[in-house]
PDB file of N, CA and C in Angstrom:
ATOM      1  N   UNK A   1     -12.250   1.609  -6.148  1.00  0.00           N
ATOM      2  CA  UNK A   1     -11.077   1.089  -5.478  1.00  0.00           C
ATOM      3  C   UNK A   1     -11.107  -0.440  -5.529  1.00  0.00           C
ATOM      4  N   UNK A   2      -9.936  -0.998  -5.715  1.00  0.00           N
ATOM      5  CA  UNK A   2      -9.792  -2.451  -5.711  1.00  0.00           C
ATOM      6  C   UNK A   2      -8.593  -2.811  -4.854  1.00  0.00           C
ATOM      7  N   UNK A   3      -8.804  -3.691  -3.888  1.00  0.00           N
ATOM      8  CA  UNK A   3      -7.729  -4.194  -3.042  1.00  0.00           C
ATOM      9  C   UNK A   3      -7.313  -5.559  -3.576  1.00  0.00           C
ATOM     10  N   UNK A   4      -6.020  -5.693  -3.881  1.00  0.00           N
ATOM     11  CA  UNK A   4      -5.466  -6.963  -4.347  1.00  0.00           C
ATOM     12  C   UNK A   4      -4.432  -7.433  -3.333  1.00  0.00           C
ATOM     13  N   UNK A   5      -4.518  -8.699  -2.974  1.00  0.00           N
ATOM     14  CA  UNK A   5      -3.602  -9.265  -1.992  1.00  0.00           C
ATOM     15  C   UNK A   5      -2.671 -10.269  -2.659  1.00  0.00           C
ATOM     16  N   UNK A   6      -1.525 -10.464  -2.060  1.00  0.00           N
ATOM     17  CA  UNK A   6      -0.556 -11.410  -2.590  1.00  0.00           C
ATOM     18  C   UNK A   6      -1.079 -12.823  -2.668  1.00  0.00           C
ATOM     19  N   UNK A   7      -2.094 -13.124  -1.911  1.00  0.00           N
ATOM     20  CA  UNK A   7      -2.709 -14.457  -1.931  1.00  0.00           C
ATOM     21  C   UNK A   7      -3.545 -14.683  -3.179  1.00  0.00           C
ATOM     22  N   UNK A   8      -3.809 -13.606  -3.924  1.00  0.00           N
ATOM     23  CA  UNK A   8      -4.679 -13.682  -5.095  1.00  0.00           C
ATOM     24  C   UNK A   8      -6.086 -13.182  -4.818  1.00  0.00           C
ATOM     25  N   UNK A   9      -6.423 -12.963  -3.562  1.00  0.00           N
ATOM     26  CA  UNK A   9      -7.749 -12.462  -3.199  1.00  0.00           C
ATOM     27  C   UNK A   9      -7.889 -10.993  -3.612  1.00  0.00           C
ATOM     28  N   UNK A  10      -9.114 -10.609  -3.954  1.00  0.00           N
ATOM     29  CA  UNK A  10      -9.407  -9.212  -4.279  1.00  0.00           C
ATOM     30  C   UNK A  10     -10.683  -8.801  -3.556  1.00  0.00           C
ATOM     31  N   UNK A  11     -10.764  -7.511  -3.243  1.00  0.00           N
ATOM     32  CA  UNK A  11     -11.959  -6.944  -2.621  1.00  0.00           C
ATOM     33  C   UNK A  11     -12.278  -5.651  -3.357  1.00  0.00           C
ATOM     34  N   UNK A  12     -13.454  -5.594  -3.946  1.00  0.00           N
ATOM     35  CA  UNK A  12     -13.900  -4.390  -4.642  1.00  0.00           C
ATOM     36  C   UNK A  12     -14.500  -3.420  -3.626  1.00  0.00           C
ATOM     37  N   UNK A  13     -14.092  -2.179  -3.688  1.00  0.00           N
ATOM     38  CA  UNK A  13     -14.576  -1.132  -2.777  1.00  0.00           C
ATOM     39  C   UNK A  13     -14.462  -1.566  -1.307  1.00  0.00           C
ATOM     40  N   UNK A  14     -13.246  -1.865  -0.845  1.00  0.00           N
ATOM     41  CA  UNK A  14     -13.080  -2.353   0.533  1.00  0.00           C
ATOM     42  C   UNK A  14     -13.463  -1.301   1.566  1.00  0.00           C
ATOM     43  N   UNK A  15     -14.081  -1.766   2.629  1.00  0.00           N
ATOM     44  CA  UNK A  15     -14.450  -0.927   3.771  1.00  0.00           C
ATOM     45  C   UNK A  15     -13.238  -0.793   4.691  1.00  0.00           C
ATOM     46  N   UNK A  16     -13.223   0.221   5.575  1.00  0.00           N
ATOM     47  CA  UNK A  16     -12.078   0.412   6.483  1.00  0.00           C
ATOM     48  C   UNK A  16     -11.707  -0.851   7.269  1.00  0.00           C
ATOM     49  N   UNK A  17     -12.701  -1.580   7.776  1.00  0.00           N
ATOM     50  CA  UNK A  17     -12.430  -2.794   8.529  1.00  0.00           C
ATOM     51  C   UNK A  17     -11.826  -3.898   7.679  1.00  0.00           C
ATOM     52  N   UNK A  18     -12.220  -3.956   6.411  1.00  0.00           N
ATOM     53  CA  UNK A  18     -11.654  -4.948   5.506  1.00  0.00           C
ATOM     54  C   UNK A  18     -10.188  -4.639   5.209  1.00  0.00           C
ATOM     55  N   UNK A  19      -9.867  -3.357   5.075  1.00  0.00           N
ATOM     56  CA  UNK A  19      -8.474  -2.976   4.854  1.00  0.00           C
ATOM     57  C   UNK A  19      -7.625  -3.364   6.057  1.00  0.00           C
ATOM     58  N   UNK A  20      -8.118  -3.072   7.249  1.00  0.00           N
ATOM     59  CA  UNK A  20      -7.411  -3.414   8.478  1.00  0.00           C
ATOM     60  C   UNK A  20      -7.182  -4.925   8.561  1.00  0.00           C
ATOM     61  N   UNK A  21      -8.220  -5.697   8.340  1.00  0.00           N
ATOM     62  CA  UNK A  21      -8.111  -7.156   8.442  1.00  0.00           C
ATOM     63  C   UNK A  21      -7.166  -7.729   7.388  1.00  0.00           C
ATOM     64  N   UNK A  22      -7.238  -7.211   6.174  1.00  0.00           N
ATOM     65  CA  UNK A  22      -6.379  -7.714   5.100  1.00  0.00           C
ATOM     66  C   UNK A  22      -4.907  -7.441   5.397  1.00  0.00           C
ATOM     67  N   UNK A  23      -4.601  -6.240   5.869  1.00  0.00           N
ATOM     68  CA  UNK A  23      -3.212  -5.900   6.186  1.00  0.00           C
ATOM     69  C   UNK A  23      -2.715  -6.704   7.390  1.00  0.00           C
ATOM     70  N   UNK A  24      -3.571  -6.923   8.371  1.00  0.00           N
ATOM     71  CA  UNK A  24      -3.181  -7.699   9.552  1.00  0.00           C
ATOM     72  C   UNK A  24      -2.898  -9.152   9.198  1.00  0.00           C
ATOM     73  N   UNK A  25      -3.547  -9.667   8.164  1.00  0.00           N
ATOM     74  CA  UNK A  25      -3.413 -11.070   7.788  1.00  0.00           C
ATOM     75  C   UNK A  25      -2.269 -11.347   6.816  1.00  0.00           C
ATOM     76  N   UNK A  26      -1.547 -10.315   6.381  1.00  0.00           N
ATOM     77  CA  UNK A  26      -0.445 -10.577   5.452  1.00  0.00           C
ATOM     78  C   UNK A  26       0.585 -11.482   6.124  1.00  0.00           C
ATOM     79  N   UNK A  27       0.984 -12.547   5.447  1.00  0.00           N
ATOM     80  CA  UNK A  27       1.934 -13.487   6.047  1.00  0.00           C
ATOM     81  C   UNK A  27       3.339 -12.896   6.101  1.00  0.00           C
ATOM     82  N   UNK A  28       4.072 -13.277   7.124  1.00  0.00           N
ATOM     83  CA  UNK A  28       5.428 -12.754   7.290  1.00  0.00           C
ATOM     84  C   UNK A  28       6.414 -13.549   6.436  1.00  0.00           C
ATOM     85  N   UNK A  29       7.283 -12.808   5.737  1.00  0.00           N
ATOM     86  CA  UNK A  29       8.402 -13.412   5.041  1.00  0.00           C
ATOM     87  C   UNK A  29       8.084 -14.248   3.822  1.00  0.00           C
ATOM     88  N   UNK A  30       6.996 -13.952   3.121  1.00  0.00           N
ATOM     89  CA  UNK A  30       6.684 -14.702   1.905  1.00  0.00           C
ATOM     90  C   UNK A  30       6.515 -13.734   0.740  1.00  0.00           C
ATOM     91  N   UNK A  31       6.581 -14.278  -0.468  1.00  0.00           N
ATOM     92  CA  UNK A  31       6.372 -13.457  -1.659  1.00  0.00           C
ATOM     93  C   UNK A  31       4.961 -12.890  -1.720  1.00  0.00           C
ATOM     94  N   UNK A  32       4.016 -13.520  -1.043  1.00  0.00           N
ATOM     95  CA  UNK A  32       2.629 -13.073  -1.058  1.00  0.00           C
ATOM     96  C   UNK A  32       2.286 -12.068   0.009  1.00  0.00           C
ATOM     97  N   UNK A  33       3.295 -11.505   0.630  1.00  0.00           N
ATOM     98  CA  UNK A  33       3.062 -10.575   1.733  1.00  0.00           C
ATOM     99  C   UNK A  33       2.957  -9.132   1.230  1.00  0.00           C
ATOM    100  N   UNK A  34       1.923  -8.879   0.431  1.00  0.00           N
ATOM    101  CA  UNK A  34       1.711  -7.522  -0.064  1.00  0.00           C
ATOM    102  C   UNK A  34       0.229  -7.257  -0.306  1.00  0.00           C
ATOM    103  N   UNK A  35      -0.096  -5.977  -0.322  1.00  0.00           N
ATOM    104  CA  UNK A  35      -1.452  -5.520  -0.623  1.00  0.00           C
ATOM    105  C   UNK A  35      -1.344  -4.286  -1.506  1.00  0.00           C
ATOM    106  N   UNK A  36      -2.173  -4.223  -2.529  1.00  0.00           N
ATOM    107  CA  UNK A  36      -2.197  -3.090  -3.458  1.00  0.00           C
ATOM    108  C   UNK A  36      -3.618  -2.553  -3.511  1.00  0.00           C
ATOM    109  N   UNK A  37      -3.766  -1.264  -3.246  1.00  0.00           N
ATOM    110  CA  UNK A  37      -5.065  -0.607  -3.330  1.00  0.00           C
ATOM    111  C   UNK A  37      -5.026   0.329  -4.539  1.00  0.00           C
ATOM    112  N   UNK A  38      -5.798  -0.022  -5.558  1.00  0.00           N
ATOM    113  CA  UNK A  38      -5.767   0.687  -6.831  1.00  0.00           C
ATOM    114  C   UNK A  38      -6.994   1.580  -6.974  1.00  0.00           C
ATOM    115  N   UNK A  39      -6.742   2.851  -7.295  1.00  0.00           N
ATOM    116  CA  UNK A  39      -7.831   3.788  -7.553  1.00  0.00           C
ATOM    117  C   UNK A  39      -8.252   3.719  -9.020  1.00  0.00           C
ATOM    118  N   UNK A  40      -7.265   3.651  -9.909  1.00  0.00           N
ATOM    119  CA  UNK A  40      -7.476   3.511 -11.345  1.00  0.00           C
ATOM    120  C   UNK A  40      -6.143   3.079 -11.942  1.00  0.00           C
ATOM    121  N   UNK A  41      -6.112   2.808 -13.237  1.00  0.00           N
ATOM    122  CA  UNK A  41      -4.871   2.341 -13.865  1.00  0.00           C
ATOM    123  C   UNK A  41      -3.701   3.242 -13.515  1.00  0.00           C
ATOM    124  N   UNK A  42      -2.651   2.623 -12.996  1.00  0.00           N
ATOM    125  CA  UNK A  42      -1.383   3.292 -12.677  1.00  0.00           C
ATOM    126  C   UNK A  42      -1.466   4.271 -11.506  1.00  0.00           C
ATOM    127  N   UNK A  43      -2.538   4.228 -10.750  1.00  0.00           N
ATOM    128  CA  UNK A  43      -2.684   5.029  -9.527  1.00  0.00           C
ATOM    129  C   UNK A  43      -2.983   4.072  -8.382  1.00  0.00           C
ATOM    130  N   UNK A  44      -2.012   3.915  -7.481  1.00  0.00           N
ATOM    131  CA  UNK A  44      -2.196   2.950  -6.402  1.00  0.00           C
ATOM    132  C   UNK A  44      -1.271   3.240  -5.235  1.00  0.00           C
ATOM    133  N   UNK A  45      -1.590   2.611  -4.122  1.00  0.00           N
ATOM    134  CA  UNK A  45      -0.706   2.564  -2.954  1.00  0.00           C
ATOM    135  C   UNK A  45      -0.509   1.084  -2.656  1.00  0.00           C
ATOM    136  N   UNK A  46       0.708   0.714  -2.269  1.00  0.00           N
ATOM    137  CA  UNK A  46       0.969  -0.692  -1.978  1.00  0.00           C
ATOM    138  C   UNK A  46       1.831  -0.825  -0.732  1.00  0.00           C
ATOM    139  N   UNK A  47       1.581  -1.882  -0.013  1.00  0.00           N
ATOM    140  CA  UNK A  47       2.353  -2.197   1.194  1.00  0.00           C
ATOM    141  C   UNK A  47       2.893  -3.608   1.049  1.00  0.00           C
ATOM    142  N   UNK A  48       4.113  -3.804   1.512  1.00  0.00           N
ATOM    143  CA  UNK A  48       4.669  -5.150   1.594  1.00  0.00           C
ATOM    144  C   UNK A  48       5.257  -5.304   2.992  1.00  0.00           C
ATOM    145  N   UNK A  49       5.176  -6.511   3.502  1.00  0.00           N
ATOM    146  CA  UNK A  49       5.663  -6.762   4.846  1.00  0.00           C
ATOM    147  C   UNK A  49       4.606  -7.443   5.672  1.00  0.00           C
ATOM    148  N   UNK A  50       4.710  -7.273   6.999  1.00  0.00           N
ATOM    149  CA  UNK A  50       3.772  -7.943   7.889  1.00  0.00           C
ATOM    150  C   UNK A  50       3.587  -7.145   9.172  1.00  0.00           C
ATOM    151  N   UNK A  51       2.569  -7.536   9.909  1.00  0.00           N
ATOM    152  CA  UNK A  51       2.243  -6.883  11.176  1.00  0.00           C
ATOM    153  C   UNK A  51       3.446  -6.895  12.121  1.00  0.00           C
ATOM    154  N   UNK A  52       4.071  -8.032  12.268  1.00  0.00           N
ATOM    155  CA  UNK A  52       5.174  -8.144  13.232  1.00  0.00           C
ATOM    156  C   UNK A  52       6.509  -7.654  12.688  1.00  0.00           C
ATOM    157  N   UNK A  53       6.710  -7.722  11.381  1.00  0.00           N
ATOM    158  CA  UNK A  53       7.999  -7.342  10.811  1.00  0.00           C
ATOM    159  C   UNK A  53       8.088  -5.913  10.310  1.00  0.00           C
ATOM    160  N   UNK A  54       6.958  -5.229  10.239  1.00  0.00           N
ATOM    161  CA  UNK A  54       6.936  -3.869   9.702  1.00  0.00           C
ATOM    162  C   UNK A  54       6.652  -3.883   8.209  1.00  0.00           C
ATOM    163  N   UNK A  55       6.367  -2.706   7.682  1.00  0.00           N
ATOM    164  CA  UNK A  55       5.936  -2.582   6.291  1.00  0.00           C
ATOM    165  C   UNK A  55       6.767  -1.566   5.514  1.00  0.00           C
ATOM    166  N   UNK A  56       6.846  -1.803   4.222  1.00  0.00           N
ATOM    167  CA  UNK A  56       7.340  -0.830   3.264  1.00  0.00           C
ATOM    168  C   UNK A  56       6.112  -0.319   2.514  1.00  0.00           C
ATOM    169  N   UNK A  57       6.040   0.965   2.287  1.00  0.00           N
ATOM    170  CA  UNK A  57       4.890   1.575   1.621  1.00  0.00           C
ATOM    171  C   UNK A  57       5.369   2.293   0.373  1.00  0.00           C
ATOM    172  N   UNK A  58       4.657   2.095  -0.734  1.00  0.00           N
ATOM    173  CA  UNK A  58       4.955   2.760  -2.002  1.00  0.00           C
ATOM    174  C   UNK A  58       3.652   3.265  -2.597  1.00  0.00           C
ATOM    175  N   UNK A  59       3.803   4.232  -3.511  1.00  0.00           N
ATOM    176  CA  UNK A  59       2.633   4.653  -4.286  1.00  0.00           C
ATOM    177  C   UNK A  59       3.072   5.079  -5.670  1.00  0.00           C
ATOM    178  N   UNK A  60       2.117   5.079  -6.581  1.00  0.00           N
ATOM    179  CA  UNK A  60       2.364   5.538  -7.945  1.00  0.00           C
ATOM    180  C   UNK A  60       1.233   6.465  -8.357  1.00  0.00           C
ATOM    181  N   UNK A  61       1.602   7.560  -8.990  1.00  0.00           N
ATOM    182  CA  UNK A  61       0.635   8.565  -9.436  1.00  0.00           C
ATOM    183  C   UNK A  61       0.604   8.668 -10.954  1.00  0.00           C
ATOM    184  N   UNK A  62       0.212   7.609 -11.624  1.00  0.00           N
ATOM    185  CA  UNK A  62      -0.049   7.688 -13.046  1.00  0.00           C
ATOM    186  C   UNK A  62       0.997   7.115 -13.976  1.00  0.00           C
ATOM    187  N   UNK A  63       2.255   7.072 -13.584  1.00  0.00           N
ATOM    188  CA  UNK A  63       3.284   6.539 -14.472  1.00  0.00           C
ATOM    189  C   UNK A  63       4.471   6.049 -13.659  1.00  0.00           C
ATOM    190  N   UNK A  64       5.329   5.263 -14.296  1.00  0.00           N
ATOM    191  CA  UNK A  64       6.532   4.767 -13.621  1.00  0.00           C
ATOM    192  C   UNK A  64       7.441   5.909 -13.174  1.00  0.00           C
ATOM    193  N   UNK A  65       7.368   7.042 -13.853  1.00  0.00           N
ATOM    194  CA  UNK A  65       8.169   8.208 -13.468  1.00  0.00           C
ATOM    195  C   UNK A  65       7.677   8.838 -12.164  1.00  0.00           C
ATOM    196  N   UNK A  66       6.505   8.470 -11.730  1.00  0.00           N
ATOM    197  CA  UNK A  66       5.923   9.014 -10.504  1.00  0.00           C
ATOM    198  C   UNK A  66       5.660   7.883  -9.506  1.00  0.00           C
ATOM    199  N   UNK A  67       6.697   7.090  -9.284  1.00  0.00           N
ATOM    200  CA  UNK A  67       6.619   5.983  -8.333  1.00  0.00           C
ATOM    201  C   UNK A  67       7.500   6.339  -7.139  1.00  0.00           C
ATOM    202  N   UNK A  68       6.930   6.260  -5.941  1.00  0.00           N
ATOM    203  CA  UNK A  68       7.622   6.708  -4.729  1.00  0.00           C
ATOM    204  C   UNK A  68       7.583   5.633  -3.656  1.00  0.00           C
ATOM    205  N   UNK A  69       8.600   5.676  -2.805  1.00  0.00           N
ATOM    206  CA  UNK A  69       8.680   4.775  -1.661  1.00  0.00           C
ATOM    207  C   UNK A  69       8.874   5.609  -0.407  1.00  0.00           C
ATOM    208  N   UNK A  70       8.209   5.200   0.663  1.00  0.00           N
ATOM    209  CA  UNK A  70       8.384   5.874   1.937  1.00  0.00           C
ATOM    210  C   UNK A  70       9.831   5.665   2.392  1.00  0.00           C
ATOM    211  N   UNK A  71      10.440   6.721   2.885  1.00  0.00           N
ATOM    212  CA  UNK A  71      11.825   6.623   3.331  1.00  0.00           C
ATOM    213  C   UNK A  71      11.980   5.694   4.524  1.00  0.00           C
ATOM    214  N   UNK A  72      10.971   5.615   5.371  1.00  0.00           N
ATOM    215  CA  UNK A  72      10.982   4.670   6.485  1.00  0.00           C
ATOM    216  C   UNK A  72      10.494   3.333   5.940  1.00  0.00           C
ATOM    217  N   UNK A  73      11.365   2.340   5.889  1.00  0.00           N
ATOM    218  CA  UNK A  73      11.001   1.049   5.304  1.00  0.00           C
ATOM    219  C   UNK A  73      10.581   0.018   6.349  1.00  0.00           C
ATOM    220  N   UNK A  74      10.336   0.463   7.569  1.00  0.00           N
ATOM    221  CA  UNK A  74       9.805  -0.422   8.628  1.00  0.00           C
ATOM    222  C   UNK A  74       8.659   0.296   9.332  1.00  0.00           C
ATOM    223  N   UNK A  75       7.657   0.633   8.554  1.00  0.00           N
ATOM    224  CA  UNK A  75       6.493   1.329   9.115  1.00  0.00           C
ATOM    225  C   UNK A  75       5.678   0.394   9.996  1.00  0.00           C
ATOM    226  N   UNK A  76       5.080   0.959  11.026  1.00  0.00           N
ATOM    227  CA  UNK A  76       4.239   0.153  11.900  1.00  0.00           C
ATOM    228  C   UNK A  76       2.866  -0.060  11.257  1.00  0.00           C
ATOM    229  N   UNK A  77       2.180  -1.057  11.770  1.00  0.00           N
ATOM    230  CA  UNK A  77       0.887  -1.478  11.253  1.00  0.00           C
ATOM    231  C   UNK A  77      -0.129  -0.333  11.231  1.00  0.00           C
ATOM    232  N   UNK A  78      -0.222   0.401  12.326  1.00  0.00           N
ATOM    233  CA  UNK A  78      -1.210   1.478  12.424  1.00  0.00           C
ATOM    234  C   UNK A  78      -1.003   2.548  11.350  1.00  0.00           C
ATOM    235  N   UNK A  79       0.237   2.907  11.087  1.00  0.00           N
ATOM    236  CA  UNK A  79       0.540   3.917  10.071  1.00  0.00           C
ATOM    237  C   UNK A  79       0.095   3.457   8.691  1.00  0.00           C
ATOM    238  N   UNK A  80       0.343   2.192   8.373  1.00  0.00           N
ATOM    239  CA  UNK A  80      -0.020   1.659   7.060  1.00  0.00           C
ATOM    240  C   UNK A  80      -1.536   1.545   6.919  1.00  0.00           C
ATOM    241  N   UNK A  81      -2.210   1.109   7.957  1.00  0.00           N
ATOM    242  CA  UNK A  81      -3.676   1.023   7.916  1.00  0.00           C
ATOM    243  C   UNK A  81      -4.275   2.410   7.695  1.00  0.00           C
ATOM    244  N   UNK A  82      -3.788   3.396   8.424  1.00  0.00           N
ATOM    245  CA  UNK A  82      -4.298   4.766   8.257  1.00  0.00           C
ATOM    246  C   UNK A  82      -4.064   5.269   6.834  1.00  0.00           C
ATOM    247  N   UNK A  83      -2.901   4.970   6.267  1.00  0.00           N
ATOM    248  CA  UNK A  83      -2.602   5.396   4.895  1.00  0.00           C
ATOM    249  C   UNK A  83      -3.569   4.743   3.910  1.00  0.00           C
ATOM    250  N   UNK A  84      -3.793   3.439   4.038  1.00  0.00           N
ATOM    251  CA  UNK A  84      -4.711   2.738   3.142  1.00  0.00           C
ATOM    252  C   UNK A  84      -6.139   3.257   3.291  1.00  0.00           C
ATOM    253  N   UNK A  85      -6.581   3.454   4.516  1.00  0.00           N
ATOM    254  CA  UNK A  85      -7.944   3.940   4.730  1.00  0.00           C
ATOM    255  C   UNK A  85      -8.120   5.354   4.185  1.00  0.00           C
ATOM    256  N   UNK A  86      -7.113   6.195   4.364  1.00  0.00           N
ATOM    257  CA  UNK A  86      -7.168   7.557   3.833  1.00  0.00           C
ATOM    258  C   UNK A  86      -7.185   7.537   2.307  1.00  0.00           C
ATOM    259  N   UNK A  87      -6.350   6.705   1.707  1.00  0.00           N
ATOM    260  CA  UNK A  87      -6.308   6.582   0.248  1.00  0.00           C
ATOM    261  C   UNK A  87      -7.664   6.110  -0.281  1.00  0.00           C
ATOM    262  N   UNK A  88      -8.271   5.159   0.409  1.00  0.00           N
ATOM    263  CA  UNK A  88      -9.575   4.633  -0.016  1.00  0.00           C
ATOM    264  C   UNK A  88     -10.652   5.711   0.016  1.00  0.00           C
ATOM    265  N   UNK A  89     -10.509   6.666   0.935  1.00  0.00           N
ATOM    266  CA  UNK A  89     -11.464   7.789   1.021  1.00  0.00           C
ATOM    267  C   UNK A  89     -11.111   8.901   0.040  1.00  0.00           C
ATOM    268  N   UNK A  90     -10.009   8.717  -0.682  1.00  0.00           N
ATOM    269  CA  UNK A  90      -9.476   9.742  -1.600  1.00  0.00           C
ATOM    270  C   UNK A  90      -9.084  11.016  -0.855  1.00  0.00           C
ATOM    271  N   UNK A  91      -8.644  10.821   0.370  1.00  0.00           N
ATOM    272  CA  UNK A  91      -8.146  11.899   1.223  1.00  0.00           C
ATOM    273  C   UNK A  91      -6.632  11.958   1.042  1.00  0.00           C
ATOM    274  N   UNK A  92      -6.090  13.053   0.506  1.00  0.00           N
ATOM    275  CA  UNK A  92      -4.661  13.105   0.186  1.00  0.00           C
ATOM    276  C   UNK A  92      -3.729  13.261   1.386  1.00  0.00           C
ATOM    277  N   UNK A  93      -4.253  13.402   2.586  1.00  0.00           N
ATOM    278  CA  UNK A  93      -3.390  13.648   3.746  1.00  0.00           C
ATOM    279  C   UNK A  93      -2.440  12.498   4.065  1.00  0.00           C
ATOM    280  N   UNK A  94      -2.771  11.275   3.660  1.00  0.00           N
ATOM    281  CA  UNK A  94      -1.901  10.138   3.930  1.00  0.00           C
ATOM    282  C   UNK A  94      -0.502  10.387   3.369  1.00  0.00           C
ATOM    283  N   UNK A  95      -0.457  11.054   2.232  1.00  0.00           N
ATOM    284  CA  UNK A  95       0.818  11.284   1.550  1.00  0.00           C
ATOM    285  C   UNK A  95       1.671  12.314   2.286  1.00  0.00           C
ATOM    286  N   UNK A  96       1.059  13.349   2.811  1.00  0.00           N
ATOM    287  CA  UNK A  96       1.818  14.431   3.449  1.00  0.00           C
ATOM    288  C   UNK A  96       2.288  14.061   4.854  1.00  0.00           C
ATOM    289  N   UNK A  97       1.773  12.978   5.422  1.00  0.00           N
ATOM    290  CA  UNK A  97       2.176  12.570   6.762  1.00  0.00           C
ATOM    291  C   UNK A  97       3.454  11.730   6.784  1.00  0.00           C
ATOM    292  N   UNK A  98       3.995  11.413   5.598  1.00  0.00           N
ATOM    293  CA  UNK A  98       5.180  10.566   5.499  1.00  0.00           C
ATOM    294  C   UNK A  98       6.215  11.210   4.582  1.00  0.00           C
ATOM    295  N   UNK A  99       7.463  10.790   4.714  1.00  0.00           N
ATOM    296  CA  UNK A  99       8.539  11.275   3.843  1.00  0.00           C
ATOM    297  C   UNK A  99       8.741  10.274   2.715  1.00  0.00           C
ATOM    298  N   UNK A 100       8.839  10.793   1.478  1.00  0.00           N
ATOM    299  CA  UNK A 100       8.894   9.956   0.287  1.00  0.00           C
ATOM    300  C   UNK A 100      10.136  10.233  -0.537  1.00  0.00           C
ATOM    301  N   UNK A 101      10.561   9.218  -1.285  1.00  0.00           N
ATOM    302  CA  UNK A 101      11.620   9.395  -2.269  1.00  0.00           C
ATOM    303  C   UNK A 101      11.176   8.710  -3.552  1.00  0.00           C
ATOM    304  N   UNK A 102      11.502   9.344  -4.666  1.00  0.00           N
ATOM    305  CA  UNK A 102      11.171   8.768  -5.973  1.00  0.00           C
ATOM    306  C   UNK A 102      12.108   7.601  -6.230  1.00  0.00           C
ATOM    307  N   UNK A 103      11.567   6.516  -6.760  1.00  0.00           N
ATOM    308  CA  UNK A 103      12.420   5.379  -7.098  1.00  0.00           C
ATOM    309  C   UNK A 103      12.284   5.045  -8.566  1.00  0.00           C
ATOM    310  N   UNK A 104      13.366   4.576  -9.153  1.00  0.00           N
ATOM    311  CA  UNK A 104      13.395   4.174 -10.557  1.00  0.00           C
ATOM    312  C   UNK A 104      12.934   2.729 -10.670  1.00  0.00           C
ATOM    313  N   UNK A 105      11.987   2.485 -11.538  1.00  0.00           N
ATOM    314  CA  UNK A 105      11.528   1.132 -11.802  1.00  0.00           C
ATOM    315  C   UNK A 105      11.917   0.755 -13.220  1.00  0.00           C
ATOM    316  N   UNK A 106      12.243  -0.507 -13.431  1.00  0.00           N
ATOM    317  CA  UNK A 106      12.606  -0.927 -14.793  1.00  0.00           C
ATOM    318  C   UNK A 106      11.411  -0.822 -15.737  1.00  0.00           C
ATOM    319  N   UNK A 107      11.685  -0.379 -16.918  1.00  0.00           N
ATOM    320  CA  UNK A 107      10.631  -0.284 -17.952  1.00  0.00           C
ATOM    321  C   UNK A 107      10.587  -1.598 -18.705  1.00  0.00           C
ATOM    322  N   UNK A 108       9.370  -1.994 -19.026  1.00  0.00           N
ATOM    323  CA  UNK A 108       9.208  -3.278 -19.739  1.00  0.00           C
ATOM    324  C   UNK A 108       9.035  -3.068 -21.204  1.00  0.00           C
TER     325      UNK A 108
END
């Protein structure tokens, strides 16, 4: 697992507390307000937003055709932390606890 932050910082194999701290520190209202937790190429969960403003959560399962966004686009901090920590443990329950919709991404 690799955690990448909008600030450019990365953490290899982040611990639960590191995930919590990184998400809590995301700045509000900037382009750098995101975190991506990657399991392997094209498999990741990402959050954008901030502690006070709420978060949008997305994930991808291998290809652009399998890119999803949580239907609730103002998730609370605790929900996003739990999702990231569950994903880091490779526990699939994070996905079933939320409602998702597939989104189209531009192909490069």
